[in-house]
Every structure is written in C-alpha cells, then in structure tokens.
Amino acid sequence: MRDHKKYYQEHKASINETNKRSYEKNKDKIAKRRLEYKLENQEKLKLRSREYYLKNKEKIDEQNRKWHRENKDKYYETAKRWRENNKERYRAKMRAASKIWSANNKDKIITNRQRTRNKLREDVLAAYGNKCKCCGESTKEFLCIDHINNDGAKHKRENNIKSAQAMYTWLRKNNYPKDGFQILCHNCNCAKGFYGECPHQKLKIAI
C-alpha cells in the first residue's frame, strides 16, 4: 500500500504545479462549487469555525492583535469601507450589541450617568460663582439656577427645557450667559418665587 505522505514529500513540487494548473483551468467552476457548498452548509460551517476558534482562541487572538498592530491603516480603511457599503446591516448590528451591553451593565450605566450629571452641574455652578447671589450660601447641594427676570417658565417653554439637567445643558451649550441668570440657594429662590423678593433683600435695604 502506497504511503501517500511520503509520496507527496517526494513529488511535492510536481504535485503543487499540477494542482495550480488545474485550479487556473477550472477557477470559475471551483468558485461556484465552493459558494454552493457554503450556502448549503452555513450552520455546519459556523459551528466548525466556532469550535476551531474556541480550541485555538489564544493563538488566534494573538495573531489578530499582531495583524492589527502592523496594519492599522489598512484595518481602519477596510472597516470604514465595509460600514459605508453595509449601513443598515451595521446599524442593526450596533443596535443589537448596544442592547445586550446595556442589559449586562445596568449598574455601570447608572453610575456613569450620575457622574456626567454631577460634572455638568458642577461646571454650571462654577461658571456662575458657586454661591448664592443673595445670601452667599456656598453649599452646592443648596444651590440652583435662578432666572433673574422671573421669566423661567417662558424661557423653558421656548427652549423645550423640561428638567434641571436640560437647563444645565442649555446653559453650557450657550456658553453660560450671564444676562438673565444667577445662582440662588433654594431658600432665596423659593422666597423670591412666592413673595416676589427674598427677605434678605429687605434686610439689606433696612440696614
């Protein structure tokens, strides 16, 4: 019985040349047959590919990382071209991935949102002096933004502002306008809203 491995090693060059000529002669037929096989055995091929990856995960991941390091420009250009040619597929893929990530990282999302909200509020308060314009209170938890001309309702309607977060975002987007806005503590702000003027102002006048 012929030892095929030994025979191949002895005639490697001639066998490879014959295979190459055969492939060039039947290239279209071979490509068509491969495509038909892929379409008929998609699940089988996916499973086989997955099994191979899991079996050789570390080696494959290292090869991929090495290729990316050495071919960054080529990788980004190829990825960009693929996204442009497959916009709907890419968007659907990203939406699905985002949904899965969000479901698995709820605590992280809540923490990040809280950190972003706190940073935005701190930036706004700093831009307006970090203390109540009326009484000088500087404890940040007690402070808020006041519409100097008492036109807050109108301003919020016109700009579709429905929350404190939205108000802070509007102020930052408009470069923290000083005309019409100031910091008051909640006491001074409520007194001004209920009575038209904070009692601190009457005391200042009396003094």
C-alpha atoms as a PDB file:
ATOM      1  CA  MET A   1       0.000   0.000   0.000  1.00  0.00           C
ATOM      2  CA  ARG A   2       1.369   3.445  -1.022  1.00  0.00           C
ATOM      3  CA  ASP A   3       2.467   5.828   1.685  1.00  0.00           C
ATOM      4  CA  HIS A   4       0.697   8.991   0.489  1.00  0.00           C
ATOM      5  CA  LYS A   5       2.524  11.324   2.842  1.00  0.00           C
ATOM      6  CA  LYS A   6       5.920  10.011   1.718  1.00  0.00           C
ATOM      7  CA  TYR A   7       4.869  10.131  -1.940  1.00  0.00           C
ATOM      8  CA  TYR A   8       3.739  13.746  -1.572  1.00  0.00           C
ATOM      9  CA  GLN A   9       7.003  14.782   0.055  1.00  0.00           C
ATOM     10  CA  GLU A  10       8.975  13.142  -2.784  1.00  0.00           C
ATOM     11  CA  HIS A  11       6.875  14.726  -5.548  1.00  0.00           C
ATOM     12  CA  LYS A  12       5.750  17.915  -3.790  1.00  0.00           C
ATOM     13  CA  ALA A  13       6.867  20.364  -6.484  1.00  0.00           C
ATOM     14  CA  SER A  14       5.279  18.489  -9.398  1.00  0.00           C
ATOM     15  CA  ILE A  15       2.021  17.854  -7.454  1.00  0.00           C
ATOM     16  CA  ASN A  16       1.702  21.528  -6.494  1.00  0.00           C
ATOM     17  CA  GLU A  17       2.361  22.595 -10.087  1.00  0.00           C
ATOM     18  CA  THR A  18      -0.312  20.163 -11.374  1.00  0.00           C
ATOM     19  CA  ASN A  19      -2.807  21.425  -8.762  1.00  0.00           C
ATOM     20  CA  LYS A  20      -2.042  25.015  -9.710  1.00  0.00           C
ATOM     21  CA  ARG A  21      -2.632  24.370 -13.427  1.00  0.00           C
ATOM     22  CA  SER A  22      -5.837  22.526 -12.627  1.00  0.00           C
ATOM     23  CA  TYR A  23      -7.086  25.377 -10.438  1.00  0.00           C
ATOM     24  CA  GLU A  24      -6.341  28.026 -13.087  1.00  0.00           C
ATOM     25  CA  LYS A  25      -8.157  25.934 -15.687  1.00  0.00           C
ATOM     26  CA  ASN A  26     -11.244  25.360 -13.513  1.00  0.00           C
ATOM     27  CA  LYS A  27     -11.176  28.513 -11.345  1.00  0.00           C
ATOM     28  CA  ASP A  28     -14.754  29.646 -12.080  1.00  0.00           C
ATOM     29  CA  LYS A  29     -16.173  26.157 -11.631  1.00  0.00           C
ATOM     30  CA  ILE A  30     -14.339  25.709  -8.322  1.00  0.00           C
ATOM     31  CA  ALA A  31     -15.513  29.127  -7.033  1.00  0.00           C
ATOM     32  CA  LYS A  32     -19.110  28.285  -7.960  1.00  0.00           C
ATOM     33  CA  ARG A  33     -18.908  24.912  -6.232  1.00  0.00           C
ATOM     34  CA  ARG A  34     -17.421  26.483  -3.076  1.00  0.00           C
ATOM     35  CA  LEU A  35     -20.175  29.093  -2.960  1.00  0.00           C
ATOM     36  CA  GLU A  36     -22.889  26.460  -3.372  1.00  0.00           C
ATOM     37  CA  TYR A  37     -21.334  24.394  -0.587  1.00  0.00           C
ATOM     38  CA  LYS A  38     -21.183  27.410   1.738  1.00  0.00           C
ATOM     39  CA  LEU A  39     -24.812  28.292   1.116  1.00  0.00           C
ATOM     40  CA  GLU A  40     -25.948  24.709   1.673  1.00  0.00           C
ATOM     41  CA  ASN A  41     -23.887  24.214   4.846  1.00  0.00           C
ATOM     42  CA  GLN A  42     -23.919  27.594   6.594  1.00  0.00           C
ATOM     43  CA  GLU A  43     -24.799  26.285  10.051  1.00  0.00           C
ATOM     44  CA  LYS A  44     -22.331  23.423   9.791  1.00  0.00           C
ATOM     45  CA  LEU A  45     -19.518  25.764   8.751  1.00  0.00           C
ATOM     46  CA  LYS A  46     -20.362  28.271  11.507  1.00  0.00           C
ATOM     47  CA  LEU A  47     -20.261  25.520  14.101  1.00  0.00           C
ATOM     48  CA  ARG A  48     -16.971  24.171  12.765  1.00  0.00           C
ATOM     49  CA  SER A  49     -15.469  27.654  12.707  1.00  0.00           C
ATOM     50  CA  ARG A  50     -16.649  28.309  16.263  1.00  0.00           C
ATOM     51  CA  GLU A  51     -15.206  25.021  17.513  1.00  0.00           C
ATOM     52  CA  TYR A  52     -11.872  25.748  15.860  1.00  0.00           C
ATOM     53  CA  TYR A  53     -11.759  29.246  17.368  1.00  0.00           C
ATOM     54  CA  LEU A  54     -12.508  28.011  20.896  1.00  0.00           C
ATOM     55  CA  LYS A  55      -9.866  25.320  20.543  1.00  0.00           C
ATOM     56  CA  ASN A  56      -7.222  27.809  19.346  1.00  0.00           C
ATOM     57  CA  LYS A  57      -8.513  31.014  20.977  1.00  0.00           C
ATOM     58  CA  GLU A  58      -5.254  32.316  22.470  1.00  0.00           C
ATOM     59  CA  LYS A  59      -3.254  31.704  19.310  1.00  0.00           C
ATOM     60  CA  ILE A  60      -5.890  33.289  17.035  1.00  0.00           C
ATOM     61  CA  ASP A  61      -6.379  36.311  19.302  1.00  0.00           C
ATOM     62  CA  GLU A  62      -2.641  36.955  19.415  1.00  0.00           C
ATOM     63  CA  GLN A  63      -2.412  36.663  15.618  1.00  0.00           C
ATOM     64  CA  ASN A  64      -5.291  39.124  15.243  1.00  0.00           C
ATOM     65  CA  ARG A  65      -3.729  41.604  17.677  1.00  0.00           C
ATOM     66  CA  LYS A  66      -0.391  41.378  15.868  1.00  0.00           C
ATOM     67  CA  TRP A  67      -2.036  41.922  12.476  1.00  0.00           C
ATOM     68  CA  HIS A  68      -3.983  44.935  13.776  1.00  0.00           C
ATOM     69  CA  ARG A  69      -0.827  46.490  15.215  1.00  0.00           C
ATOM     70  CA  GLU A  70       1.025  46.059  11.931  1.00  0.00           C
ATOM     71  CA  ASN A  71      -1.884  47.031   9.646  1.00  0.00           C
ATOM     72  CA  LYS A  72      -3.793  49.768  11.490  1.00  0.00           C
ATOM     73  CA  ASP A  73      -4.369  51.993   8.462  1.00  0.00           C
ATOM     74  CA  LYS A  74      -5.438  49.073   6.290  1.00  0.00           C
ATOM     75  CA  TYR A  75      -7.775  47.784   9.009  1.00  0.00           C
ATOM     76  CA  TYR A  76      -9.473  51.158   9.577  1.00  0.00           C
ATOM     77  CA  GLU A  77      -9.858  51.765   5.833  1.00  0.00           C
ATOM     78  CA  THR A  78     -11.349  48.302   5.292  1.00  0.00           C
ATOM     79  CA  ALA A  79     -13.716  48.716   8.262  1.00  0.00           C
ATOM     80  CA  LYS A  80     -14.786  52.167   7.050  1.00  0.00           C
ATOM     81  CA  ARG A  81     -15.470  50.873   3.549  1.00  0.00           C
ATOM     82  CA  TRP A  82     -17.486  47.951   4.920  1.00  0.00           C
ATOM     83  CA  ARG A  83     -19.624  50.284   7.073  1.00  0.00           C
ATOM     84  CA  GLU A  84     -20.326  52.555   4.122  1.00  0.00           C
ATOM     85  CA  ASN A  85     -21.367  49.613   1.946  1.00  0.00           C
ATOM     86  CA  ASN A  86     -23.447  47.946   4.673  1.00  0.00           C
ATOM     87  CA  LYS A  87     -25.051  50.851   6.554  1.00  0.00           C
ATOM     88  CA  GLU A  88     -28.316  49.150   7.524  1.00  0.00           C
ATOM     89  CA  ARG A  89     -26.604  45.921   8.499  1.00  0.00           C
ATOM     90  CA  TYR A  90     -24.016  47.837  10.549  1.00  0.00           C
ATOM     91  CA  ARG A  91     -26.688  49.889  12.336  1.00  0.00           C
ATOM     92  CA  ALA A  92     -28.728  46.786  13.135  1.00  0.00           C
ATOM     93  CA  LYS A  93     -25.602  45.051  14.426  1.00  0.00           C
ATOM     94  CA  MET A  94     -24.648  48.012  16.628  1.00  0.00           C
ATOM     95  CA  ARG A  95     -28.195  48.378  17.995  1.00  0.00           C
ATOM     96  CA  ALA A  96     -28.268  44.701  18.928  1.00  0.00           C
ATOM     97  CA  ALA A  97     -24.816  44.888  20.534  1.00  0.00           C
ATOM     98  CA  SER A  98     -25.773  48.064  22.420  1.00  0.00           C
ATOM     99  CA  LYS A  99     -28.951  46.443  23.713  1.00  0.00           C
ATOM    100  CA  ILE A 100     -27.055  43.408  25.007  1.00  0.00           C
ATOM    101  CA  TRP A 101     -24.318  45.562  26.588  1.00  0.00           C
ATOM    102  CA  SER A 102     -26.880  47.808  28.286  1.00  0.00           C
ATOM    103  CA  ALA A 103     -28.732  44.817  29.722  1.00  0.00           C
ATOM    104  CA  ASN A 104     -25.491  43.416  31.168  1.00  0.00           C
ATOM    105  CA  ASN A 105     -24.114  46.712  32.518  1.00  0.00           C
ATOM    106  CA  LYS A 106     -27.074  48.491  34.149  1.00  0.00           C
ATOM    107  CA  ASP A 107     -25.164  49.465  37.301  1.00  0.00           C
ATOM    108  CA  LYS A 108     -22.266  50.846  35.255  1.00  0.00           C
ATOM    109  CA  ILE A 109     -24.636  52.891  33.082  1.00  0.00           C
ATOM    110  CA  ILE A 110     -26.374  54.370  36.135  1.00  0.00           C
ATOM    111  CA  THR A 111     -23.017  55.260  37.719  1.00  0.00           C
ATOM    112  CA  ASN A 112     -21.712  56.886  34.518  1.00  0.00           C
ATOM    113  CA  ARG A 113     -24.900  58.897  34.017  1.00  0.00           C
ATOM    114  CA  GLN A 114     -24.802  60.123  37.606  1.00  0.00           C
ATOM    115  CA  ARG A 115     -21.150  61.118  37.229  1.00  0.00           C
ATOM    116  CA  THR A 116     -21.943  63.003  33.999  1.00  0.00           C
ATOM    117  CA  ARG A 117     -24.889  64.820  35.609  1.00  0.00           C
ATOM    118  CA  ASN A 118     -22.818  65.792  38.636  1.00  0.00           C
ATOM    119  CA  LYS A 119     -19.951  67.070  36.476  1.00  0.00           C
ATOM    120  CA  LEU A 120     -22.349  69.154  34.359  1.00  0.00           C
ATOM    121  CA  ARG A 121     -23.955  70.689  37.451  1.00  0.00           C
ATOM    122  CA  GLU A 122     -20.569  71.474  38.989  1.00  0.00           C
ATOM    123  CA  ASP A 123     -19.430  73.184  35.774  1.00  0.00           C
ATOM    124  CA  VAL A 124     -22.593  75.315  35.660  1.00  0.00           C
ATOM    125  CA  LEU A 125     -22.336  76.350  39.310  1.00  0.00           C
ATOM    126  CA  ALA A 126     -18.655  77.217  38.870  1.00  0.00           C
ATOM    127  CA  ALA A 127     -19.478  79.376  35.841  1.00  0.00           C
ATOM    128  CA  TYR A 128     -21.917  81.435  37.954  1.00  0.00           C
ATOM    129  CA  GLY A 129     -19.749  81.815  41.044  1.00  0.00           C
ATOM    130  CA  ASN A 130     -20.524  78.756  43.231  1.00  0.00           C
ATOM    131  CA  LYS A 131     -22.544  80.733  45.786  1.00  0.00           C
ATOM    132  CA  CYS A 132     -25.966  82.277  46.289  1.00  0.00           C
ATOM    133  CA  LYS A 133     -26.121  85.802  44.886  1.00  0.00           C
ATOM    134  CA  CYS A 134     -28.485  86.817  47.673  1.00  0.00           C
ATOM    135  CA  CYS A 135     -27.204  85.326  50.937  1.00  0.00           C
ATOM    136  CA  GLY A 136     -23.787  83.927  49.984  1.00  0.00           C
ATOM    137  CA  GLU A 137     -24.648  80.265  50.733  1.00  0.00           C
ATOM    138  CA  SER A 138     -21.983  78.064  49.080  1.00  0.00           C
ATOM    139  CA  THR A 139     -23.059  74.518  49.967  1.00  0.00           C
ATOM    140  CA  LYS A 140     -23.565  73.078  46.474  1.00  0.00           C
ATOM    141  CA  GLU A 141     -26.492  70.866  47.441  1.00  0.00           C
ATOM    142  CA  PHE A 142     -28.454  74.009  48.406  1.00  0.00           C
ATOM    143  CA  LEU A 143     -27.806  75.934  45.171  1.00  0.00           C
ATOM    144  CA  CYS A 144     -29.827  76.285  41.958  1.00  0.00           C
ATOM    145  CA  ILE A 145     -30.054  78.450  38.840  1.00  0.00           C
ATOM    146  CA  ASP A 146     -32.461  81.387  39.010  1.00  0.00           C
ATOM    147  CA  HIS A 147     -33.994  83.424  36.183  1.00  0.00           C
ATOM    148  CA  ILE A 148     -33.298  86.980  37.335  1.00  0.00           C
ATOM    149  CA  ASN A 149     -36.250  88.476  35.427  1.00  0.00           C
ATOM    150  CA  ASN A 150     -38.738  85.833  36.640  1.00  0.00           C
ATOM    151  CA  ASP A 151     -39.250  84.593  33.072  1.00  0.00           C
ATOM    152  CA  GLY A 152     -38.234  81.000  33.730  1.00  0.00           C
ATOM    153  CA  ALA A 153     -41.499  79.417  32.559  1.00  0.00           C
ATOM    154  CA  LYS A 154     -41.402  81.296  29.252  1.00  0.00           C
ATOM    155  CA  HIS A 155     -37.725  80.533  28.684  1.00  0.00           C
ATOM    156  CA  LYS A 156     -38.228  76.814  29.360  1.00  0.00           C
ATOM    157  CA  ARG A 157     -41.258  76.587  27.038  1.00  0.00           C
ATOM    158  CA  GLU A 158     -39.440  78.335  24.192  1.00  0.00           C
ATOM    159  CA  ASN A 159     -36.408  76.059  24.503  1.00  0.00           C
ATOM    160  CA  ASN A 160     -38.226  72.817  25.378  1.00  0.00           C
ATOM    161  CA  ILE A 161     -36.445  72.575  28.746  1.00  0.00           C
ATOM    162  CA  LYS A 162     -38.204  70.025  30.950  1.00  0.00           C
ATOM    163  CA  SER A 163     -35.662  69.230  33.659  1.00  0.00           C
ATOM    164  CA  ALA A 164     -32.763  70.674  35.645  1.00  0.00           C
ATOM    165  CA  GLN A 165     -30.401  68.525  33.556  1.00  0.00           C
ATOM    166  CA  ALA A 166     -31.808  70.040  30.371  1.00  0.00           C
ATOM    167  CA  MET A 167     -31.426  73.519  31.867  1.00  0.00           C
ATOM    168  CA  TYR A 168     -27.761  72.936  32.720  1.00  0.00           C
ATOM    169  CA  THR A 169     -27.153  71.538  29.224  1.00  0.00           C
ATOM    170  CA  TRP A 170     -28.751  74.629  27.636  1.00  0.00           C
ATOM    171  CA  LEU A 171     -26.576  76.956  29.716  1.00  0.00           C
ATOM    172  CA  ARG A 172     -23.386  75.134  28.766  1.00  0.00           C
ATOM    173  CA  LYS A 173     -24.377  74.983  25.095  1.00  0.00           C
ATOM    174  CA  ASN A 174     -24.904  78.760  25.138  1.00  0.00           C
ATOM    175  CA  ASN A 175     -21.578  79.496  26.856  1.00  0.00           C
ATOM    176  CA  TYR A 176     -23.094  80.249  30.291  1.00  0.00           C
ATOM    177  CA  PRO A 177     -24.853  83.569  29.511  1.00  0.00           C
ATOM    178  CA  LYS A 178     -24.654  85.973  32.465  1.00  0.00           C
ATOM    179  CA  ASP A 179     -27.579  88.191  31.414  1.00  0.00           C
ATOM    180  CA  GLY A 180     -30.753  86.860  32.993  1.00  0.00           C
ATOM    181  CA  PHE A 181     -29.245  84.071  35.119  1.00  0.00           C
ATOM    182  CA  GLN A 182     -27.748  83.808  38.585  1.00  0.00           C
ATOM    183  CA  ILE A 183     -27.238  81.344  41.417  1.00  0.00           C
ATOM    184  CA  LEU A 184     -29.590  81.387  44.410  1.00  0.00           C
ATOM    185  CA  CYS A 185     -29.939  78.916  47.245  1.00  0.00           C
ATOM    186  CA  HIS A 186     -33.265  77.090  47.390  1.00  0.00           C
ATOM    187  CA  ASN A 187     -34.455  79.267  50.311  1.00  0.00           C
ATOM    188  CA  CYS A 188     -33.824  82.533  48.479  1.00  0.00           C
ATOM    189  CA  ASN A 189     -35.154  81.148  45.221  1.00  0.00           C
ATOM    190  CA  CYS A 190     -38.415  79.928  46.794  1.00  0.00           C
ATOM    191  CA  ALA A 191     -38.887  83.183  48.722  1.00  0.00           C
ATOM    192  CA  LYS A 192     -38.374  85.178  45.529  1.00  0.00           C
ATOM    193  CA  GLY A 193     -40.862  82.953  43.673  1.00  0.00           C
ATOM    194  CA  PHE A 194     -43.549  83.068  46.375  1.00  0.00           C
ATOM    195  CA  TYR A 195     -43.226  86.681  47.518  1.00  0.00           C
ATOM    196  CA  GLY A 196     -41.575  88.441  44.583  1.00  0.00           C
ATOM    197  CA  GLU A 197     -38.495  89.240  46.653  1.00  0.00           C
ATOM    198  CA  CYS A 198     -36.275  87.428  49.122  1.00  0.00           C
ATOM    199  CA  PRO A 199     -36.455  88.749  52.742  1.00  0.00           C
ATOM    200  CA  HIS A 200     -32.660  89.107  52.655  1.00  0.00           C
ATOM    201  CA  GLN A 201     -33.079  91.999  50.213  1.00  0.00           C
ATOM    202  CA  LYS A 202     -35.441  93.831  52.577  1.00  0.00           C
ATOM    203  CA  LEU A 203     -32.933  93.366  55.401  1.00  0.00           C
ATOM    204  CA  LYS A 204     -30.148  94.805  53.216  1.00  0.00           C
ATOM    205  CA  ILE A 205     -32.308  97.840  52.379  1.00  0.00           C
ATOM    206  CA  ALA A 206     -33.187  98.319  56.061  1.00  0.00           C
ATOM    207  CA  ILE A 207     -29.540  98.167  57.051  1.00  0.00           C
END
